[in-house]
N, C-alpha and C. Protein backbone atom coordinates (compact mmCIF):
# COMPACT_ATOMS: atom_id res chain seq x y z
N MET A 1 -25.42 -2.29 1.37
CA MET A 1 -23.78 -1.51 1.90
C MET A 1 -23.03 -0.65 2.16
N PHE A 2 -21.34 -1.44 3.22
CA PHE A 2 -20.82 -0.74 3.68
C PHE A 2 -18.90 -0.32 3.25
N ILE A 3 -19.01 0.78 3.24
CA ILE A 3 -17.50 1.39 2.66
C ILE A 3 -17.53 1.95 3.90
N TYR A 4 -16.15 0.96 3.90
CA TYR A 4 -15.10 1.18 4.72
C TYR A 4 -13.54 2.12 4.37
N ASN A 5 -13.18 3.69 4.42
CA ASN A 5 -12.62 4.78 3.52
C ASN A 5 -11.15 5.07 4.58
N ILE A 6 -10.40 4.82 3.74
CA ILE A 6 -9.16 5.55 4.52
C ILE A 6 -8.88 6.66 3.59
N THR A 7 -8.59 7.57 4.06
CA THR A 7 -8.16 8.90 3.44
C THR A 7 -6.30 8.44 3.75
N VAL A 8 -5.30 8.84 2.64
CA VAL A 8 -4.23 9.05 3.11
C VAL A 8 -3.35 10.47 2.35
N LEU A 9 -2.76 11.33 2.96
CA LEU A 9 -2.31 12.24 2.96
C LEU A 9 -1.14 11.61 2.38
N ILE A 10 0.16 12.73 1.32
CA ILE A 10 1.39 11.83 1.25
C ILE A 10 1.58 13.11 0.24
N GLU A 11 3.12 13.01 0.87
CA GLU A 11 4.20 14.41 0.83
C GLU A 11 3.58 13.77 -1.37
N GLU A 12 3.49 14.14 -1.92
CA GLU A 12 4.61 14.54 -3.60
C GLU A 12 5.76 13.48 -3.64
N THR A 13 6.69 14.19 -3.44
CA THR A 13 7.50 13.25 -3.19
C THR A 13 7.27 11.08 -2.94
N LEU A 14 6.49 10.55 -2.94
CA LEU A 14 6.36 9.87 -2.66
C LEU A 14 5.32 9.01 -3.14
N GLU A 15 4.70 9.97 -4.63
CA GLU A 15 3.51 9.47 -4.25
C GLU A 15 3.44 8.36 -5.10
N GLN A 16 5.19 7.61 -6.27
CA GLN A 16 4.81 6.15 -6.93
C GLN A 16 5.15 5.73 -5.69
N GLU A 17 6.24 5.68 -5.40
CA GLU A 17 5.82 4.67 -3.90
C GLU A 17 5.10 3.72 -3.42
N TRP A 18 4.57 4.87 -2.63
CA TRP A 18 3.11 5.18 -1.85
C TRP A 18 2.26 4.00 -3.01
N LEU A 19 1.86 4.82 -4.19
CA LEU A 19 0.87 3.26 -4.62
C LEU A 19 1.46 2.47 -5.44
N ASN A 20 3.20 2.09 -5.15
CA ASN A 20 2.72 0.89 -5.42
C ASN A 20 2.63 0.30 -4.45
N TYR A 21 3.08 0.10 -3.34
CA TYR A 21 2.62 -0.51 -1.91
C TYR A 21 1.13 -0.28 -1.38
N VAL A 22 0.75 0.56 -2.65
CA VAL A 22 -0.98 0.23 -1.24
C VAL A 22 -1.13 -1.22 -2.42
N GLN A 23 -0.62 -0.59 -4.09
CA GLN A 23 -1.21 -1.51 -4.51
C GLN A 23 -1.51 -2.98 -4.53
N THR A 24 0.47 -3.27 -4.28
CA THR A 24 0.65 -4.49 -3.67
C THR A 24 0.70 -5.47 -2.62
N GLU A 25 0.11 -3.97 -1.60
CA GLU A 25 1.34 -4.69 -0.36
C GLU A 25 -0.44 -4.24 0.36
N PHE A 26 -1.07 -2.99 0.67
CA PHE A 26 -1.87 -3.30 1.29
C PHE A 26 -3.21 -3.45 0.74
N ILE A 27 -3.51 -3.08 -0.44
CA ILE A 27 -5.55 -3.89 -0.58
C ILE A 27 -4.75 -4.99 -0.65
N PRO A 28 -4.47 -5.87 -1.45
CA PRO A 28 -4.34 -7.59 -0.92
C PRO A 28 -3.71 -7.15 0.48
N ALA A 29 -3.57 -7.20 1.00
CA ALA A 29 -3.34 -7.92 2.27
C ALA A 29 -5.02 -7.30 3.19
N VAL A 30 -5.73 -6.07 2.34
CA VAL A 30 -6.72 -6.42 3.43
C VAL A 30 -8.06 -7.12 2.92
N LEU A 31 -8.44 -6.88 1.25
CA LEU A 31 -8.68 -7.96 0.66
C LEU A 31 -8.77 -9.79 1.10
N GLU A 32 -7.81 -10.04 1.13
CA GLU A 32 -7.20 -11.54 1.47
C GLU A 32 -7.62 -11.63 2.49
N THR A 33 -8.02 -11.04 4.06
CA THR A 33 -9.09 -10.80 4.65
C THR A 33 -10.32 -11.70 4.90
N GLY A 34 -11.19 -11.23 3.77
CA GLY A 34 -12.48 -11.81 3.56
C GLY A 34 -13.49 -11.32 3.74
N PHE A 35 -12.66 -10.32 4.48
CA PHE A 35 -13.67 -9.06 4.80
C PHE A 35 -14.99 -8.24 4.55
N PHE A 36 -14.21 -7.58 2.41
CA PHE A 36 -14.93 -7.27 2.40
C PHE A 36 -14.74 -7.75 0.42
N GLN A 37 -15.58 -7.44 -0.58
CA GLN A 37 -15.99 -7.80 -1.36
C GLN A 37 -14.98 -7.23 -2.70
N SER A 38 -14.53 -5.59 -2.51
CA SER A 38 -14.38 -4.89 -3.26
C SER A 38 -13.08 -4.05 -3.33
N CYS A 39 -12.82 -3.60 -3.85
CA CYS A 39 -11.61 -2.39 -3.50
C CYS A 39 -12.36 -0.67 -4.50
N GLN A 40 -11.39 0.24 -4.24
CA GLN A 40 -11.48 0.92 -5.42
C GLN A 40 -10.67 2.16 -4.52
N LEU A 41 -9.65 2.50 -5.07
CA LEU A 41 -8.57 3.42 -5.37
C LEU A 41 -8.80 4.51 -6.34
N LEU A 42 -9.01 6.44 -5.26
CA LEU A 42 -9.19 7.36 -6.21
C LEU A 42 -8.13 9.03 -5.49
N GLN A 43 -8.22 9.40 -6.85
CA GLN A 43 -7.56 10.22 -5.96
C GLN A 43 -8.31 11.31 -5.71
N VAL A 44 -7.97 12.25 -5.04
CA VAL A 44 -8.94 13.38 -4.58
C VAL A 44 -8.29 14.36 -5.46
N THR A 45 -8.71 15.14 -6.20
CA THR A 45 -9.08 16.45 -7.41
C THR A 45 -8.32 17.59 -6.58
N ASP A 46 -9.12 17.71 -5.93
CA ASP A 46 -9.39 19.09 -5.78
C ASP A 46 -9.14 19.34 -3.72
N SER A 47 -8.49 18.92 -3.43
CA SER A 47 -7.59 18.69 -1.94
C SER A 47 -7.48 20.04 -1.42
N PRO A 48 -8.06 20.33 -0.30
CA PRO A 48 -6.66 22.26 0.74
C PRO A 48 -5.16 21.06 0.56
N ASN A 49 -5.32 20.39 1.53
CA ASN A 49 -3.70 20.42 2.40
C ASN A 49 -3.08 20.45 1.42
N GLU A 50 -1.76 20.05 1.26
CA GLU A 50 -0.22 20.42 0.85
C GLU A 50 -0.21 18.94 0.52
N GLY A 51 0.30 17.92 -0.04
CA GLY A 51 0.79 16.89 -0.41
C GLY A 51 -0.56 16.88 -1.73
N LEU A 52 -0.42 15.54 -1.44
CA LEU A 52 -1.81 14.10 -2.43
C LEU A 52 -2.37 13.81 -1.65
N THR A 53 -3.56 13.66 -1.94
CA THR A 53 -4.98 12.67 -0.83
C THR A 53 -5.86 12.39 -1.89
N TYR A 54 -5.25 10.25 -1.52
CA TYR A 54 -6.14 9.57 -1.90
C TYR A 54 -6.87 8.75 -0.86
N CYS A 55 -7.93 7.65 -1.78
CA CYS A 55 -8.44 7.41 -0.72
C CYS A 55 -8.96 6.02 -0.90
N VAL A 56 -9.04 4.85 0.10
CA VAL A 56 -8.84 3.66 -0.39
C VAL A 56 -10.08 3.38 0.65
N GLN A 57 -11.21 2.84 -0.19
CA GLN A 57 -12.35 2.42 -0.20
C GLN A 57 -12.94 0.69 -0.39
N PHE A 58 -12.93 0.46 0.16
CA PHE A 58 -13.72 -1.73 1.28
C PHE A 58 -14.98 -1.99 1.13
N ARG A 59 -15.63 -2.47 -0.03
CA ARG A 59 -16.81 -2.59 0.04
C ARG A 59 -17.83 -3.86 0.66
N THR A 60 -18.52 -3.90 1.61
CA THR A 60 -18.72 -4.99 2.05
C THR A 60 -20.37 -4.63 2.41
N ASN A 61 -21.00 -6.03 1.99
CA ASN A 61 -22.10 -6.18 2.24
C ASN A 61 -22.88 -5.68 3.15
N GLU A 62 -22.30 -6.43 4.96
CA GLU A 62 -22.29 -6.11 6.49
C GLU A 62 -21.02 -5.66 6.72
N ILE A 63 -22.19 -4.77 7.85
CA ILE A 63 -21.71 -4.00 9.10
C ILE A 63 -20.63 -5.18 10.31
N SER A 64 -21.21 -6.33 9.96
CA SER A 64 -20.07 -6.68 10.97
C SER A 64 -18.71 -7.60 10.44
N SER A 65 -18.90 -7.67 9.83
CA SER A 65 -17.91 -8.22 8.47
C SER A 65 -17.53 -6.83 9.06
N LEU A 66 -17.22 -5.18 8.58
CA LEU A 66 -16.39 -4.50 8.91
C LEU A 66 -15.88 -3.95 10.04
N GLN A 67 -16.87 -4.60 10.60
CA GLN A 67 -16.42 -4.42 12.74
C GLN A 67 -15.35 -5.85 12.95
N SER A 68 -15.79 -6.89 12.01
CA SER A 68 -15.06 -7.67 12.66
C SER A 68 -13.33 -7.83 11.74
N TYR A 69 -13.16 -6.63 10.39
CA TYR A 69 -11.93 -6.62 9.95
C TYR A 69 -12.02 -5.37 10.61
N GLN A 70 -12.10 -4.40 12.06
CA GLN A 70 -11.65 -3.59 12.53
C GLN A 70 -10.69 -4.05 13.68
N SER A 71 -11.31 -4.70 14.28
CA SER A 71 -11.06 -5.68 15.35
C SER A 71 -10.22 -6.42 15.49
N LEU A 72 -10.02 -7.37 14.29
CA LEU A 72 -8.86 -8.33 14.31
C LEU A 72 -7.89 -8.21 12.91
N TYR A 73 -7.76 -7.37 12.45
CA TYR A 73 -6.74 -7.12 10.59
C TYR A 73 -6.01 -6.00 10.87
N ALA A 74 -7.74 -4.62 11.61
CA ALA A 74 -6.97 -3.29 10.76
C ALA A 74 -5.74 -2.59 12.18
N PRO A 75 -5.86 -3.13 13.12
CA PRO A 75 -4.52 -2.85 13.79
C PRO A 75 -3.38 -3.12 13.05
N GLN A 76 -3.02 -3.78 12.68
CA GLN A 76 -1.86 -5.36 11.96
C GLN A 76 -1.97 -4.16 11.20
N ILE A 77 -2.60 -4.60 9.76
CA ILE A 77 -2.93 -3.90 8.25
C ILE A 77 -1.93 -2.52 8.50
N GLU A 78 -2.95 -2.14 9.41
CA GLU A 78 -2.77 -0.82 9.13
C GLU A 78 -1.20 0.35 9.84
N SER A 79 -0.63 -0.88 11.05
CA SER A 79 0.02 -0.11 11.15
C SER A 79 1.64 -0.56 10.24
N ALA A 80 1.20 -1.31 10.12
CA ALA A 80 2.14 -1.59 9.10
C ALA A 80 2.63 -0.37 7.67
N HIS A 81 1.11 0.10 7.69
CA HIS A 81 1.56 1.00 6.02
C HIS A 81 2.05 2.36 6.66
N GLN A 82 1.44 2.47 8.12
CA GLN A 82 2.93 3.60 8.66
C GLN A 82 4.19 3.92 8.63
N LEU A 83 4.06 2.42 9.84
CA LEU A 83 5.10 1.75 9.42
C LEU A 83 6.03 1.72 7.71
N ALA A 84 5.67 1.34 7.22
CA ALA A 84 6.12 1.52 6.06
C ALA A 84 6.80 2.84 4.72
N PHE A 85 6.02 4.01 5.57
CA PHE A 85 6.08 5.74 5.45
C PHE A 85 6.26 6.27 6.87
N PRO A 86 7.64 6.05 7.15
CA PRO A 86 7.00 6.87 8.36
C PRO A 86 7.61 8.57 8.84
N ASN A 87 5.97 8.97 9.35
CA ASN A 87 6.68 10.30 9.81
C ASN A 87 6.39 11.11 8.03
N GLN A 88 6.12 10.31 7.09
CA GLN A 88 5.55 10.91 6.39
C GLN A 88 4.09 10.77 5.76
N LEU A 89 3.46 10.24 6.17
CA LEU A 89 2.07 10.48 5.34
C LEU A 89 0.85 10.58 6.34
N VAL A 90 -0.45 11.17 6.50
CA VAL A 90 -1.10 11.40 7.32
C VAL A 90 -2.58 10.39 7.28
N THR A 91 -3.36 9.37 7.74
CA THR A 91 -4.20 8.31 7.57
C THR A 91 -5.21 8.75 8.65
N PHE A 92 -7.30 9.51 8.69
CA PHE A 92 -8.06 8.69 8.74
C PHE A 92 -9.13 8.03 8.41
N ASN A 93 -10.06 7.80 8.37
CA ASN A 93 -10.60 6.53 8.74
C ASN A 93 -11.72 6.99 8.71
N SER A 94 -13.44 6.28 8.40
CA SER A 94 -14.64 6.50 8.15
C SER A 94 -15.46 5.65 7.57
N THR A 95 -16.32 5.16 8.15
CA THR A 95 -17.85 3.93 7.48
C THR A 95 -18.90 5.06 6.84
N MET A 96 -19.30 4.39 5.84
CA MET A 96 -19.98 5.53 5.38
C MET A 96 -21.27 4.40 4.81
N LYS A 97 -22.36 4.10 4.77
CA LYS A 97 -23.45 3.14 4.95
C LYS A 97 -23.76 3.75 2.78
N LEU A 98 -24.10 3.19 2.63
CA LEU A 98 -24.90 3.25 0.83
C LEU A 98 -26.37 3.36 1.19
N ILE A 99 -26.51 4.22 0.06
CA ILE A 99 -28.30 4.41 0.59
C ILE A 99 -28.79 4.18 -0.92
N ASN A 100 -28.32 4.28 -1.87
CA ASN A 100 -28.07 5.06 -3.05
C ASN A 100 -27.80 5.19 -4.64
N GLU A 101 -28.33 3.48 -5.07
CA GLU A 101 -26.62 4.22 -5.91
C GLU A 101 -27.69 3.02 -8.02
N GLN A 102 -27.03 4.84 -8.58
CA GLN A 102 -28.02 4.73 -9.79
C GLN A 102 -26.81 5.10 -10.89
């Protein structure tokens, strides 16, 4: 299992607007590509950063699916996310491989 993690730092005043956008626009757009089987939205409760920190995690069984998403769809979908909240959020991505789940 591979996890594509997108960490987002947002201003507190944008929380509800951003949560609405990410749940109604961003997550569905990524899942509609067909490269991921599931998604979870998490809030980081002990972030050292100012504002609020969230993680959006997409899961796939194949690294090739994640790589295909990154090359074919990520630039467009993730750019639209940035444009929806210009200069109001910071994002960074990471890829993780699940070793063990109990």
